[in-house]
Amino acid sequence: MIDAGVSFEDIGAFARMVAYESVFNVLERIDTGYDHEVDEPAPHWELVELDEQCVPTGRSLGGLHEDILSLDPSGRDGKPK
């Protein structure tokens, strides 16, 4: 990219976008609870909270892919400038 004349700033922005999209997509797949690219029947999953003895508390974690939007330190919700 450097040999092609791409600036360090643009390379950094691209790397941040790739990292953000990767994390977002993993969290969205976890939130969905199944692999939508696999035909049924397929395993489903759920991310649950455990207490200090590793016993489920009955509470599930969800919306993680939505939460990551508010965690972007740039304040751009993962979008480039």
C-alpha atoms as a PDB file:
ATOM      1  CA  MET A   1       0.000   0.000   0.000  1.00  0.00           C
ATOM      2  CA  ILE A   2       2.857   2.335   0.817  1.00  0.00           C
ATOM      3  CA  ASP A   3       4.504   1.569  -2.531  1.00  0.00           C
ATOM      4  CA  ALA A   4       1.193   2.478  -4.179  1.00  0.00           C
ATOM      5  CA  GLY A   5       1.229   5.862  -2.446  1.00  0.00           C
ATOM      6  CA  VAL A   6      -1.360   5.211   0.238  1.00  0.00           C
ATOM      7  CA  SER A   7      -0.750   7.434   3.271  1.00  0.00           C
ATOM      8  CA  PHE A   8      -0.004   6.021   6.716  1.00  0.00           C
ATOM      9  CA  GLU A   9      -3.167   7.749   7.944  1.00  0.00           C
ATOM     10  CA  ASP A  10      -5.291   5.985   5.330  1.00  0.00           C
ATOM     11  CA  ILE A  11      -3.654   2.633   6.085  1.00  0.00           C
ATOM     12  CA  GLY A  12      -4.406   3.141   9.775  1.00  0.00           C
ATOM     13  CA  ALA A  13      -8.021   4.083   9.019  1.00  0.00           C
ATOM     14  CA  PHE A  14      -8.389   0.991   6.846  1.00  0.00           C
ATOM     15  CA  ALA A  15      -6.892  -1.257   9.552  1.00  0.00           C
ATOM     16  CA  ARG A  16      -9.266   0.198  12.168  1.00  0.00           C
ATOM     17  CA  MET A  17     -12.246  -0.354   9.877  1.00  0.00           C
ATOM     18  CA  VAL A  18     -11.252  -3.987   9.212  1.00  0.00           C
ATOM     19  CA  ALA A  19     -10.755  -4.655  12.933  1.00  0.00           C
ATOM     20  CA  TYR A  20     -14.043  -2.984  13.860  1.00  0.00           C
ATOM     21  CA  GLU A  21     -16.021  -4.844  11.182  1.00  0.00           C
ATOM     22  CA  SER A  22     -14.452  -8.154  12.240  1.00  0.00           C
ATOM     23  CA  VAL A  23     -15.388  -7.684  15.894  1.00  0.00           C
ATOM     24  CA  PHE A  24     -18.857  -6.403  14.987  1.00  0.00           C
ATOM     25  CA  ASN A  25     -19.546  -9.446  12.789  1.00  0.00           C
ATOM     26  CA  VAL A  26     -18.348 -11.923  15.444  1.00  0.00           C
ATOM     27  CA  LEU A  27     -20.522 -10.256  18.092  1.00  0.00           C
ATOM     28  CA  GLU A  28     -23.499 -10.173  15.739  1.00  0.00           C
ATOM     29  CA  ARG A  29     -23.086 -13.915  15.095  1.00  0.00           C
ATOM     30  CA  ILE A  30     -22.946 -14.560  18.861  1.00  0.00           C
ATOM     31  CA  ASP A  31     -26.054 -12.414  19.407  1.00  0.00           C
ATOM     32  CA  THR A  32     -27.952 -14.204  16.649  1.00  0.00           C
ATOM     33  CA  GLY A  33     -27.380 -17.519  18.415  1.00  0.00           C
ATOM     34  CA  TYR A  34     -26.810 -19.612  15.329  1.00  0.00           C
ATOM     35  CA  ASP A  35     -24.901 -19.687  12.066  1.00  0.00           C
ATOM     36  CA  HIS A  36     -27.321 -18.303   9.490  1.00  0.00           C
ATOM     37  CA  GLU A  37     -25.141 -19.699   6.689  1.00  0.00           C
ATOM     38  CA  VAL A  38     -25.797 -23.310   7.789  1.00  0.00           C
ATOM     39  CA  ASP A  39     -28.971 -25.197   6.921  1.00  0.00           C
ATOM     40  CA  GLU A  40     -31.178 -26.367   9.800  1.00  0.00           C
ATOM     41  CA  PRO A  41     -30.951 -28.379  11.955  1.00  0.00           C
ATOM     42  CA  ALA A  42     -27.883 -26.720  13.360  1.00  0.00           C
ATOM     43  CA  PRO A  43     -26.659 -25.982  16.855  1.00  0.00           C
ATOM     44  CA  HIS A  44     -27.749 -22.769  18.511  1.00  0.00           C
ATOM     45  CA  TRP A  45     -25.951 -20.964  21.309  1.00  0.00           C
ATOM     46  CA  GLU A  46     -26.490 -18.339  23.955  1.00  0.00           C
ATOM     47  CA  LEU A  47     -24.022 -16.282  25.964  1.00  0.00           C
ATOM     48  CA  VAL A  48     -25.016 -16.527  29.621  1.00  0.00           C
ATOM     49  CA  GLU A  49     -23.768 -15.028  32.843  1.00  0.00           C
ATOM     50  CA  LEU A  50     -22.258 -17.328  35.478  1.00  0.00           C
ATOM     51  CA  ASP A  51     -21.838 -16.648  39.173  1.00  0.00           C
ATOM     52  CA  GLU A  52     -18.573 -17.134  41.057  1.00  0.00           C
ATOM     53  CA  GLN A  53     -19.218 -20.899  41.262  1.00  0.00           C
ATOM     54  CA  CYS A  54     -19.820 -21.051  37.477  1.00  0.00           C
ATOM     55  CA  VAL A  55     -23.548 -21.633  37.947  1.00  0.00           C
ATOM     56  CA  PRO A  56     -25.791 -19.869  35.397  1.00  0.00           C
ATOM     57  CA  THR A  57     -27.554 -16.854  36.914  1.00  0.00           C
ATOM     58  CA  GLY A  58     -30.451 -17.034  34.455  1.00  0.00           C
ATOM     59  CA  ARG A  59     -29.372 -13.853  32.705  1.00  0.00           C
ATOM     60  CA  SER A  60     -28.305 -13.830  29.071  1.00  0.00           C
ATOM     61  CA  LEU A  61     -26.021 -11.330  27.423  1.00  0.00           C
ATOM     62  CA  GLY A  62     -27.300  -9.906  24.175  1.00  0.00           C
ATOM     63  CA  GLY A  63     -27.068  -6.884  21.961  1.00  0.00           C
ATOM     64  CA  LEU A  64     -23.284  -6.984  22.059  1.00  0.00           C
ATOM     65  CA  HIS A  65     -22.976  -6.031  18.399  1.00  0.00           C
ATOM     66  CA  GLU A  66     -25.149  -2.996  19.081  1.00  0.00           C
ATOM     67  CA  ASP A  67     -23.138  -2.030  22.163  1.00  0.00           C
ATOM     68  CA  ILE A  68     -19.890  -1.918  20.216  1.00  0.00           C
ATOM     69  CA  LEU A  69     -21.231   1.029  18.215  1.00  0.00           C
ATOM     70  CA  SER A  70     -21.123   3.190  21.329  1.00  0.00           C
ATOM     71  CA  LEU A  71     -17.611   2.006  22.238  1.00  0.00           C
ATOM     72  CA  ASP A  72     -15.851   3.427  19.180  1.00  0.00           C
ATOM     73  CA  PRO A  73     -13.391   5.909  20.728  1.00  0.00           C
ATOM     74  CA  SER A  74     -13.562   8.093  17.601  1.00  0.00           C
ATOM     75  CA  GLY A  75     -17.293   8.609  18.153  1.00  0.00           C
ATOM     76  CA  ARG A  76     -17.975   7.643  14.521  1.00  0.00           C
ATOM     77  CA  ASP A  77     -19.699   4.318  15.283  1.00  0.00           C
ATOM     78  CA  GLY A  78     -17.054   2.416  13.320  1.00  0.00           C
ATOM     79  CA  LYS A  79     -17.452   4.529  10.203  1.00  0.00           C
ATOM     80  CA  PRO A  80     -14.445   6.077   8.460  1.00  0.00           C
ATOM     81  CA  LYS A  81     -14.074   9.869   8.389  1.00  0.00           C
END
